[in-house]
N, C-alpha and C. Protein backbone atom coordinates (compact mmCIF):
# COMPACT_ATOMS: atom_id res chain seq x y z
N UNK A 1 7.18 -18.76 35.18
CA UNK A 1 7.28 -17.89 34.03
C UNK A 1 8.36 -16.87 34.30
N UNK A 2 9.37 -16.82 33.43
CA UNK A 2 10.49 -15.92 33.61
C UNK A 2 10.17 -14.51 33.12
N UNK A 3 11.04 -13.60 33.47
CA UNK A 3 10.86 -12.23 33.02
C UNK A 3 11.31 -12.11 31.57
N UNK A 4 10.96 -10.99 30.97
CA UNK A 4 11.35 -10.77 29.58
C UNK A 4 12.87 -10.78 29.45
N UNK A 5 13.56 -10.18 30.40
CA UNK A 5 15.02 -10.12 30.35
C UNK A 5 15.63 -11.53 30.38
N UNK A 6 15.06 -12.42 31.21
CA UNK A 6 15.55 -13.79 31.27
C UNK A 6 15.34 -14.52 29.94
N UNK A 7 14.17 -14.34 29.38
CA UNK A 7 13.86 -14.97 28.09
C UNK A 7 14.78 -14.42 27.01
N UNK A 8 15.01 -13.12 27.03
CA UNK A 8 15.90 -12.49 26.05
C UNK A 8 17.30 -13.10 26.14
N UNK A 9 17.86 -13.15 27.34
CA UNK A 9 19.21 -13.70 27.52
C UNK A 9 19.29 -15.15 27.07
N UNK A 10 18.24 -15.88 27.32
CA UNK A 10 18.22 -17.30 27.01
C UNK A 10 18.17 -17.56 25.50
N UNK A 11 17.45 -16.73 24.73
CA UNK A 11 17.19 -17.04 23.32
C UNK A 11 17.84 -16.11 22.31
N UNK A 12 18.46 -15.02 22.75
CA UNK A 12 18.94 -14.02 21.79
C UNK A 12 19.99 -14.58 20.83
N UNK A 13 20.90 -15.39 21.31
CA UNK A 13 21.95 -15.92 20.41
C UNK A 13 21.38 -16.85 19.36
N UNK A 14 20.45 -17.72 19.76
CA UNK A 14 19.85 -18.65 18.79
C UNK A 14 19.04 -17.88 17.74
N UNK A 15 18.30 -16.88 18.18
CA UNK A 15 17.50 -16.08 17.25
C UNK A 15 18.41 -15.30 16.30
N UNK A 16 19.47 -14.73 16.83
CA UNK A 16 20.42 -13.97 15.98
C UNK A 16 21.09 -14.89 14.96
N UNK A 17 21.52 -16.07 15.40
CA UNK A 17 22.14 -17.01 14.45
C UNK A 17 21.17 -17.38 13.33
N UNK A 18 19.93 -17.64 13.69
CA UNK A 18 18.92 -17.96 12.67
C UNK A 18 18.70 -16.77 11.73
N UNK A 19 18.59 -15.59 12.29
CA UNK A 19 18.40 -14.39 11.46
C UNK A 19 19.59 -14.18 10.53
N UNK A 20 20.78 -14.45 11.01
CA UNK A 20 21.98 -14.32 10.20
C UNK A 20 21.96 -15.33 9.05
N UNK A 21 21.51 -16.55 9.34
CA UNK A 21 21.46 -17.57 8.28
C UNK A 21 20.40 -17.23 7.24
N UNK A 22 19.34 -16.56 7.67
CA UNK A 22 18.27 -16.19 6.74
C UNK A 22 18.65 -14.95 5.94
N UNK A 23 19.20 -13.94 6.62
CA UNK A 23 19.45 -12.65 5.98
C UNK A 23 20.81 -12.57 5.30
N UNK A 24 21.83 -13.16 5.93
CA UNK A 24 23.16 -13.11 5.35
C UNK A 24 23.94 -11.83 5.61
N UNK A 25 23.30 -10.84 6.19
CA UNK A 25 23.96 -9.58 6.51
C UNK A 25 23.80 -9.31 7.99
N UNK A 26 24.87 -8.82 8.59
CA UNK A 26 24.87 -8.57 10.03
C UNK A 26 23.80 -7.55 10.43
N UNK A 27 23.74 -6.45 9.71
CA UNK A 27 22.79 -5.39 10.05
C UNK A 27 21.35 -5.86 9.93
N UNK A 28 21.07 -6.60 8.87
CA UNK A 28 19.71 -7.11 8.67
C UNK A 28 19.36 -8.13 9.74
N UNK A 29 20.31 -9.00 10.08
CA UNK A 29 20.08 -9.99 11.12
C UNK A 29 19.80 -9.31 12.47
N UNK A 30 20.53 -8.24 12.75
CA UNK A 30 20.29 -7.50 13.99
C UNK A 30 18.89 -6.89 13.98
N UNK A 31 18.48 -6.33 12.84
CA UNK A 31 17.15 -5.75 12.73
C UNK A 31 16.07 -6.81 12.93
N UNK A 32 16.24 -7.96 12.28
CA UNK A 32 15.26 -9.03 12.41
C UNK A 32 15.17 -9.55 13.84
N UNK A 33 16.33 -9.67 14.49
CA UNK A 33 16.36 -10.13 15.88
C UNK A 33 15.65 -9.14 16.78
N UNK A 34 15.93 -7.86 16.60
CA UNK A 34 15.30 -6.85 17.46
C UNK A 34 13.79 -6.80 17.20
N UNK A 35 13.36 -6.96 15.95
CA UNK A 35 11.93 -6.96 15.65
C UNK A 35 11.24 -8.17 16.29
N UNK A 36 11.89 -9.32 16.29
CA UNK A 36 11.31 -10.51 16.91
C UNK A 36 11.14 -10.29 18.42
N UNK A 37 12.16 -9.75 19.06
CA UNK A 37 12.05 -9.53 20.50
C UNK A 37 11.11 -8.38 20.84
N UNK A 38 10.98 -7.42 19.96
CA UNK A 38 10.00 -6.36 20.17
C UNK A 38 8.59 -6.94 20.10
N UNK A 39 8.35 -7.84 19.14
CA UNK A 39 7.05 -8.49 19.04
C UNK A 39 6.79 -9.34 20.28
N UNK A 40 7.83 -10.01 20.78
CA UNK A 40 7.68 -10.80 22.00
C UNK A 40 7.34 -9.89 23.18
N UNK A 41 8.01 -8.77 23.28
CA UNK A 41 7.77 -7.83 24.39
C UNK A 41 6.33 -7.33 24.37
N UNK A 42 5.84 -7.02 23.17
CA UNK A 42 4.48 -6.51 23.04
C UNK A 42 3.44 -7.57 23.39
N UNK A 43 3.76 -8.84 23.18
CA UNK A 43 2.80 -9.92 23.41
C UNK A 43 3.24 -10.86 24.51
N UNK A 44 4.11 -10.41 25.38
CA UNK A 44 4.76 -11.29 26.34
C UNK A 44 3.79 -12.07 27.22
N UNK A 45 2.75 -11.42 27.70
CA UNK A 45 1.80 -12.09 28.59
C UNK A 45 0.92 -13.10 27.85
N UNK A 46 0.72 -12.91 26.56
CA UNK A 46 -0.16 -13.78 25.80
C UNK A 46 0.54 -15.01 25.22
N UNK A 47 1.86 -15.02 25.23
CA UNK A 47 2.61 -16.10 24.59
C UNK A 47 3.02 -17.14 25.62
N UNK A 48 2.80 -18.40 25.27
CA UNK A 48 3.22 -19.51 26.11
C UNK A 48 4.73 -19.67 25.93
N UNK A 49 5.48 -19.55 27.01
CA UNK A 49 6.94 -19.59 26.92
C UNK A 49 7.47 -20.95 26.48
N UNK A 50 6.64 -21.97 26.53
CA UNK A 50 7.06 -23.27 26.04
C UNK A 50 7.19 -23.27 24.52
N UNK A 51 6.57 -22.30 23.86
CA UNK A 51 6.65 -22.18 22.40
C UNK A 51 7.92 -21.48 21.94
N UNK A 52 8.68 -20.98 22.88
CA UNK A 52 9.92 -20.29 22.53
C UNK A 52 11.05 -21.31 22.42
N UNK A 53 12.02 -21.14 21.58
CA UNK A 53 12.29 -20.04 20.67
C UNK A 53 11.59 -20.17 19.32
N UNK A 54 10.80 -21.24 19.14
CA UNK A 54 10.11 -21.44 17.86
C UNK A 54 9.28 -20.25 17.44
N UNK A 55 8.58 -19.66 18.38
CA UNK A 55 7.77 -18.49 18.07
C UNK A 55 8.64 -17.35 17.56
N UNK A 56 9.77 -17.14 18.22
CA UNK A 56 10.69 -16.06 17.81
C UNK A 56 11.26 -16.33 16.42
N UNK A 57 11.61 -17.58 16.15
CA UNK A 57 12.17 -17.92 14.84
C UNK A 57 11.12 -17.73 13.74
N UNK A 58 9.88 -18.01 14.05
CA UNK A 58 8.80 -17.79 13.08
C UNK A 58 8.64 -16.30 12.79
N UNK A 59 8.75 -15.49 13.83
CA UNK A 59 8.67 -14.03 13.62
C UNK A 59 9.82 -13.57 12.72
N UNK A 60 11.02 -14.08 12.98
CA UNK A 60 12.17 -13.70 12.15
C UNK A 60 11.92 -14.11 10.70
N UNK A 61 11.45 -15.34 10.49
CA UNK A 61 11.20 -15.82 9.13
C UNK A 61 10.17 -14.95 8.43
N UNK A 62 9.07 -14.64 9.12
CA UNK A 62 8.02 -13.83 8.51
C UNK A 62 8.47 -12.41 8.21
N UNK A 63 9.23 -11.82 9.13
CA UNK A 63 9.73 -10.46 8.88
C UNK A 63 10.75 -10.46 7.74
N UNK A 64 11.52 -11.51 7.62
CA UNK A 64 12.47 -11.61 6.50
C UNK A 64 11.71 -11.70 5.18
N UNK A 65 10.64 -12.47 5.15
CA UNK A 65 9.82 -12.58 3.93
C UNK A 65 9.23 -11.22 3.58
N UNK A 66 8.74 -10.52 4.58
CA UNK A 66 8.20 -9.18 4.34
C UNK A 66 9.28 -8.26 3.75
N UNK A 67 10.47 -8.36 4.29
CA UNK A 67 11.59 -7.54 3.83
C UNK A 67 11.91 -7.87 2.37
N UNK A 68 11.92 -9.17 2.03
CA UNK A 68 12.23 -9.57 0.65
C UNK A 68 11.14 -9.09 -0.31
N UNK A 69 9.89 -9.19 0.10
CA UNK A 69 8.80 -8.69 -0.75
C UNK A 69 8.95 -7.19 -0.98
N UNK A 70 9.24 -6.48 0.09
CA UNK A 70 9.40 -5.03 -0.01
C UNK A 70 10.56 -4.69 -0.95
N UNK A 71 11.65 -5.41 -0.84
CA UNK A 71 12.80 -5.16 -1.70
C UNK A 71 12.47 -5.45 -3.15
N UNK A 72 11.70 -6.52 -3.41
CA UNK A 72 11.32 -6.87 -4.78
C UNK A 72 10.45 -5.77 -5.39
N UNK A 73 9.51 -5.27 -4.62
CA UNK A 73 8.65 -4.19 -5.10
C UNK A 73 9.46 -2.94 -5.37
N UNK A 74 10.37 -2.63 -4.47
CA UNK A 74 11.22 -1.46 -4.62
C UNK A 74 12.11 -1.58 -5.86
N UNK A 75 12.63 -2.76 -6.11
CA UNK A 75 13.48 -2.96 -7.28
C UNK A 75 12.67 -2.81 -8.57
N UNK A 76 11.44 -3.36 -8.60
CA UNK A 76 10.59 -3.20 -9.78
C UNK A 76 10.27 -1.73 -10.01
N UNK A 77 9.96 -1.03 -8.93
CA UNK A 77 9.64 0.39 -9.04
C UNK A 77 10.84 1.17 -9.57
N UNK A 78 12.02 0.90 -9.04
CA UNK A 78 13.23 1.58 -9.49
C UNK A 78 13.53 1.26 -10.94
N UNK A 79 13.28 0.02 -11.36
CA UNK A 79 13.50 -0.35 -12.76
C UNK A 79 12.54 0.41 -13.67
N UNK A 80 11.30 0.58 -13.23
CA UNK A 80 10.34 1.34 -14.04
C UNK A 80 10.74 2.81 -14.12
N UNK A 81 11.25 3.35 -13.02
CA UNK A 81 11.71 4.73 -13.05
C UNK A 81 12.90 4.90 -13.97
N UNK A 82 13.81 3.93 -13.94
CA UNK A 82 14.99 4.01 -14.78
C UNK A 82 14.64 3.90 -16.25
N UNK A 83 13.55 3.22 -16.56
CA UNK A 83 13.13 3.07 -17.95
C UNK A 83 12.70 4.39 -18.56
N UNK A 84 12.40 5.36 -17.71
CA UNK A 84 12.04 6.68 -18.21
C UNK A 84 10.54 6.89 -18.19
N UNK A 85 10.13 8.12 -18.39
CA UNK A 85 8.71 8.43 -18.37
C UNK A 85 7.99 7.83 -19.57
N UNK A 86 6.71 7.58 -19.39
CA UNK A 86 5.92 7.06 -20.50
C UNK A 86 5.67 8.19 -21.49
N UNK A 87 5.36 7.81 -22.70
CA UNK A 87 5.22 8.79 -23.77
C UNK A 87 4.06 9.75 -23.53
N UNK A 88 2.91 9.23 -23.12
CA UNK A 88 1.75 10.09 -22.92
C UNK A 88 0.94 9.59 -21.74
N UNK A 89 0.15 10.47 -21.19
CA UNK A 89 -0.70 10.08 -20.08
C UNK A 89 -1.80 9.16 -20.60
N UNK A 90 -2.23 8.18 -19.82
CA UNK A 90 -3.35 7.33 -20.24
C UNK A 90 -4.59 8.16 -20.48
N UNK A 91 -5.53 7.59 -21.21
CA UNK A 91 -6.73 8.32 -21.61
C UNK A 91 -7.50 8.88 -20.42
N UNK A 92 -7.61 8.12 -19.35
CA UNK A 92 -8.36 8.56 -18.18
C UNK A 92 -7.68 9.78 -17.55
N UNK A 93 -6.38 9.70 -17.37
CA UNK A 93 -5.66 10.82 -16.78
C UNK A 93 -5.75 12.05 -17.67
N UNK A 94 -5.68 11.84 -18.97
CA UNK A 94 -5.76 12.96 -19.89
C UNK A 94 -7.16 13.58 -19.83
N UNK A 95 -8.19 12.74 -19.71
CA UNK A 95 -9.55 13.25 -19.59
C UNK A 95 -9.70 14.09 -18.32
N UNK A 96 -9.14 13.60 -17.21
CA UNK A 96 -9.23 14.34 -15.95
C UNK A 96 -8.58 15.71 -16.09
N UNK A 97 -7.47 15.76 -16.78
CA UNK A 97 -6.74 17.03 -16.93
C UNK A 97 -7.41 17.97 -17.93
N UNK A 98 -8.01 17.42 -19.00
CA UNK A 98 -8.50 18.24 -20.10
C UNK A 98 -10.00 18.48 -20.12
N UNK A 99 -10.78 17.71 -19.40
CA UNK A 99 -12.24 17.78 -19.51
C UNK A 99 -12.77 19.16 -19.11
N UNK A 100 -13.55 19.74 -20.02
CA UNK A 100 -14.18 21.02 -19.73
C UNK A 100 -15.37 20.84 -18.79
N UNK A 101 -15.93 19.62 -18.75
CA UNK A 101 -17.08 19.35 -17.90
C UNK A 101 -16.71 19.34 -16.42
N UNK A 102 -15.46 19.03 -16.12
CA UNK A 102 -15.01 18.97 -14.72
C UNK A 102 -14.65 20.36 -14.21
N UNK A 103 -15.24 20.71 -13.11
CA UNK A 103 -14.86 21.95 -12.45
C UNK A 103 -13.57 21.68 -11.68
N UNK A 104 -12.83 22.71 -11.33
CA UNK A 104 -11.58 22.51 -10.60
C UNK A 104 -11.76 21.71 -9.30
N UNK A 105 -12.87 21.90 -8.60
CA UNK A 105 -13.07 21.18 -7.34
C UNK A 105 -13.27 19.68 -7.60
N UNK A 106 -13.94 19.33 -8.71
CA UNK A 106 -14.09 17.91 -9.07
C UNK A 106 -12.72 17.32 -9.38
N UNK A 107 -11.96 18.06 -10.18
CA UNK A 107 -10.63 17.60 -10.57
C UNK A 107 -9.74 17.41 -9.33
N UNK A 108 -9.82 18.35 -8.39
CA UNK A 108 -9.05 18.27 -7.16
C UNK A 108 -9.42 17.03 -6.36
N UNK A 109 -10.71 16.81 -6.20
CA UNK A 109 -11.18 15.65 -5.42
C UNK A 109 -10.75 14.33 -6.08
N UNK A 110 -10.91 14.26 -7.38
CA UNK A 110 -10.52 13.04 -8.11
C UNK A 110 -9.03 12.78 -7.95
N UNK A 111 -8.22 13.81 -8.13
CA UNK A 111 -6.77 13.64 -8.03
C UNK A 111 -6.36 13.25 -6.62
N UNK A 112 -6.94 13.90 -5.62
CA UNK A 112 -6.58 13.56 -4.24
C UNK A 112 -7.01 12.13 -3.90
N UNK A 113 -8.16 11.71 -4.40
CA UNK A 113 -8.67 10.38 -4.06
C UNK A 113 -7.92 9.28 -4.81
N UNK A 114 -7.78 9.41 -6.11
CA UNK A 114 -7.28 8.29 -6.91
C UNK A 114 -5.81 8.38 -7.30
N UNK A 115 -5.25 9.55 -7.25
CA UNK A 115 -3.82 9.67 -7.55
C UNK A 115 -3.02 9.64 -6.24
N UNK A 116 -3.49 10.39 -5.24
CA UNK A 116 -2.77 10.47 -3.97
C UNK A 116 -3.29 9.48 -2.93
N UNK A 117 -4.39 8.78 -3.23
CA UNK A 117 -4.89 7.73 -2.35
C UNK A 117 -5.48 8.21 -1.03
N UNK A 118 -5.99 9.43 -1.01
CA UNK A 118 -6.54 9.97 0.22
C UNK A 118 -7.97 9.46 0.42
N UNK A 119 -8.39 9.37 1.68
CA UNK A 119 -9.76 9.00 1.99
C UNK A 119 -10.65 10.22 1.85
N UNK A 120 -11.97 9.98 1.87
CA UNK A 120 -12.89 11.12 1.78
C UNK A 120 -12.70 12.06 2.96
N UNK A 121 -12.45 11.50 4.13
CA UNK A 121 -12.25 12.33 5.32
C UNK A 121 -10.99 13.19 5.16
N UNK A 122 -9.94 12.61 4.62
CA UNK A 122 -8.71 13.38 4.42
C UNK A 122 -8.91 14.48 3.38
N UNK A 123 -9.67 14.16 2.33
CA UNK A 123 -9.93 15.16 1.29
C UNK A 123 -10.77 16.30 1.89
N UNK A 124 -11.77 15.94 2.68
CA UNK A 124 -12.62 16.95 3.31
C UNK A 124 -11.78 17.86 4.20
N UNK A 125 -10.91 17.27 4.96
CA UNK A 125 -10.05 18.06 5.84
C UNK A 125 -9.14 18.98 5.02
N UNK A 126 -8.61 18.47 3.94
CA UNK A 126 -7.66 19.21 3.12
C UNK A 126 -8.32 20.36 2.37
N UNK A 127 -9.58 20.12 1.92
CA UNK A 127 -10.25 21.12 1.08
C UNK A 127 -11.21 22.02 1.84
N UNK A 128 -11.52 21.66 3.09
CA UNK A 128 -12.47 22.45 3.85
C UNK A 128 -13.92 22.11 3.54
N UNK A 129 -14.15 21.03 2.82
CA UNK A 129 -15.50 20.58 2.50
C UNK A 129 -15.94 19.55 3.53
N UNK A 130 -17.23 19.22 3.51
CA UNK A 130 -17.70 18.13 4.36
C UNK A 130 -17.48 16.81 3.63
N UNK A 131 -17.52 15.71 4.37
CA UNK A 131 -17.33 14.39 3.73
C UNK A 131 -18.45 14.13 2.73
N UNK A 132 -19.67 14.53 3.05
CA UNK A 132 -20.78 14.28 2.12
C UNK A 132 -20.62 15.11 0.84
N UNK A 133 -20.06 16.32 0.95
CA UNK A 133 -19.80 17.11 -0.25
C UNK A 133 -18.74 16.43 -1.10
N UNK A 134 -17.69 15.93 -0.46
CA UNK A 134 -16.63 15.24 -1.19
C UNK A 134 -17.20 14.00 -1.88
N UNK A 135 -18.03 13.26 -1.17
CA UNK A 135 -18.64 12.07 -1.75
C UNK A 135 -19.46 12.43 -2.99
N UNK A 136 -20.26 13.48 -2.89
CA UNK A 136 -21.08 13.91 -4.02
C UNK A 136 -20.23 14.37 -5.20
N UNK A 137 -19.17 15.12 -4.91
CA UNK A 137 -18.29 15.60 -5.99
C UNK A 137 -17.60 14.43 -6.69
N UNK A 138 -17.16 13.45 -5.91
CA UNK A 138 -16.51 12.28 -6.50
C UNK A 138 -17.50 11.48 -7.34
N UNK A 139 -18.72 11.29 -6.83
CA UNK A 139 -19.72 10.55 -7.58
C UNK A 139 -20.04 11.23 -8.90
N UNK A 140 -20.20 12.54 -8.87
CA UNK A 140 -20.50 13.28 -10.09
C UNK A 140 -19.34 13.17 -11.10
N UNK A 141 -18.13 13.36 -10.62
CA UNK A 141 -16.96 13.27 -11.51
C UNK A 141 -16.84 11.87 -12.10
N UNK A 142 -17.08 10.85 -11.30
CA UNK A 142 -17.00 9.48 -11.81
C UNK A 142 -18.11 9.18 -12.81
N UNK A 143 -19.28 9.76 -12.61
CA UNK A 143 -20.37 9.56 -13.58
C UNK A 143 -20.00 10.22 -14.91
N UNK A 144 -19.37 11.39 -14.86
CA UNK A 144 -18.89 12.03 -16.09
C UNK A 144 -17.84 11.17 -16.78
N UNK A 145 -16.95 10.60 -15.98
CA UNK A 145 -15.91 9.74 -16.53
C UNK A 145 -16.52 8.51 -17.20
N UNK A 146 -17.50 7.89 -16.53
CA UNK A 146 -18.16 6.72 -17.12
C UNK A 146 -18.81 7.09 -18.45
N UNK A 147 -19.47 8.22 -18.47
CA UNK A 147 -20.13 8.68 -19.69
C UNK A 147 -19.11 8.93 -20.80
N UNK A 148 -17.96 9.50 -20.44
CA UNK A 148 -16.94 9.80 -21.44
C UNK A 148 -16.30 8.53 -21.98
N UNK A 149 -16.12 7.55 -21.13
CA UNK A 149 -15.47 6.32 -21.56
C UNK A 149 -16.44 5.30 -22.14
N UNK A 150 -17.71 5.42 -21.81
CA UNK A 150 -18.71 4.45 -22.23
C UNK A 150 -19.95 5.22 -22.67
N UNK A 151 -19.96 5.76 -23.89
CA UNK A 151 -21.06 6.63 -24.34
C UNK A 151 -22.42 5.91 -24.29
N UNK A 152 -23.48 6.74 -24.20
CA UNK A 152 -24.85 6.22 -24.13
C UNK A 152 -25.58 6.58 -25.42
N UNK A 153 -26.40 5.62 -25.95
CA UNK A 153 -27.19 5.89 -27.15
C UNK A 153 -28.34 6.83 -26.81
N UNK A 154 -29.01 7.31 -27.82
CA UNK A 154 -30.13 8.23 -27.62
C UNK A 154 -31.24 7.63 -26.77
N UNK A 155 -31.44 6.32 -26.88
CA UNK A 155 -32.53 5.69 -26.12
C UNK A 155 -32.12 5.28 -24.71
N UNK A 156 -30.92 5.68 -24.26
CA UNK A 156 -30.49 5.42 -22.89
C UNK A 156 -29.68 4.16 -22.70
N UNK A 157 -29.58 3.33 -23.75
CA UNK A 157 -28.78 2.11 -23.61
C UNK A 157 -27.32 2.42 -23.83
N UNK A 158 -26.45 1.64 -23.17
CA UNK A 158 -25.01 1.85 -23.33
C UNK A 158 -24.56 1.33 -24.68
N UNK A 159 -23.68 2.09 -25.30
CA UNK A 159 -23.08 1.63 -26.54
C UNK A 159 -22.06 0.55 -26.25
N UNK A 160 -21.99 -0.45 -27.12
CA UNK A 160 -20.92 -1.42 -26.92
C UNK A 160 -19.58 -0.75 -27.18
N UNK A 161 -18.61 -1.17 -26.45
CA UNK A 161 -17.27 -0.60 -26.63
C UNK A 161 -16.68 -1.05 -27.93
N UNK A 162 -16.05 -0.13 -28.59
CA UNK A 162 -15.36 -0.45 -29.82
C UNK A 162 -13.97 -0.94 -29.51
N UNK A 163 -13.63 -2.11 -30.03
CA UNK A 163 -12.30 -2.64 -29.84
C UNK A 163 -11.52 -2.39 -31.10
N UNK A 164 -10.43 -1.68 -30.95
CA UNK A 164 -9.61 -1.38 -32.12
C UNK A 164 -8.73 -2.56 -32.46
N UNK A 165 -8.59 -2.89 -33.74
CA UNK A 165 -7.72 -4.01 -34.12
C UNK A 165 -6.26 -3.66 -33.84
N UNK A 166 -5.52 -4.68 -33.52
CA UNK A 166 -4.09 -4.48 -33.23
C UNK A 166 -3.26 -4.57 -34.46
């Protein structure tokens, strides 16, 4: 079993050529090659060297696919931004902002959780509350939201949602 440096010298040109054929850009090919060898370095003892350079080429291919997916998402996001802001906030967001039933702490917890994607632990840390308090505040706010979006009849049964004609 050779050292990492020996394996690197032996396979770096083949991996770089493959990365170049996949990426088409020198900088991207260099990044893909370095990521493949970094993954090899991290897993060097666990990888059978007889699987090289195939293993390295697979890493390059997978990282290139990840890069393309990321670029596609970024392009869609940029296209949406370029299209301009939407005319009005959706009903749920408007309810969160305007509801008199929501106290500021409920509104804060809801926004941190569902707009900013924070966990309950992160919200607790940020607000100085305990996780169980955050959980209770979120549950209460969500129950108010359910009630606002899905009204209940006098006898406790849920009203069917009204579908507006198009």
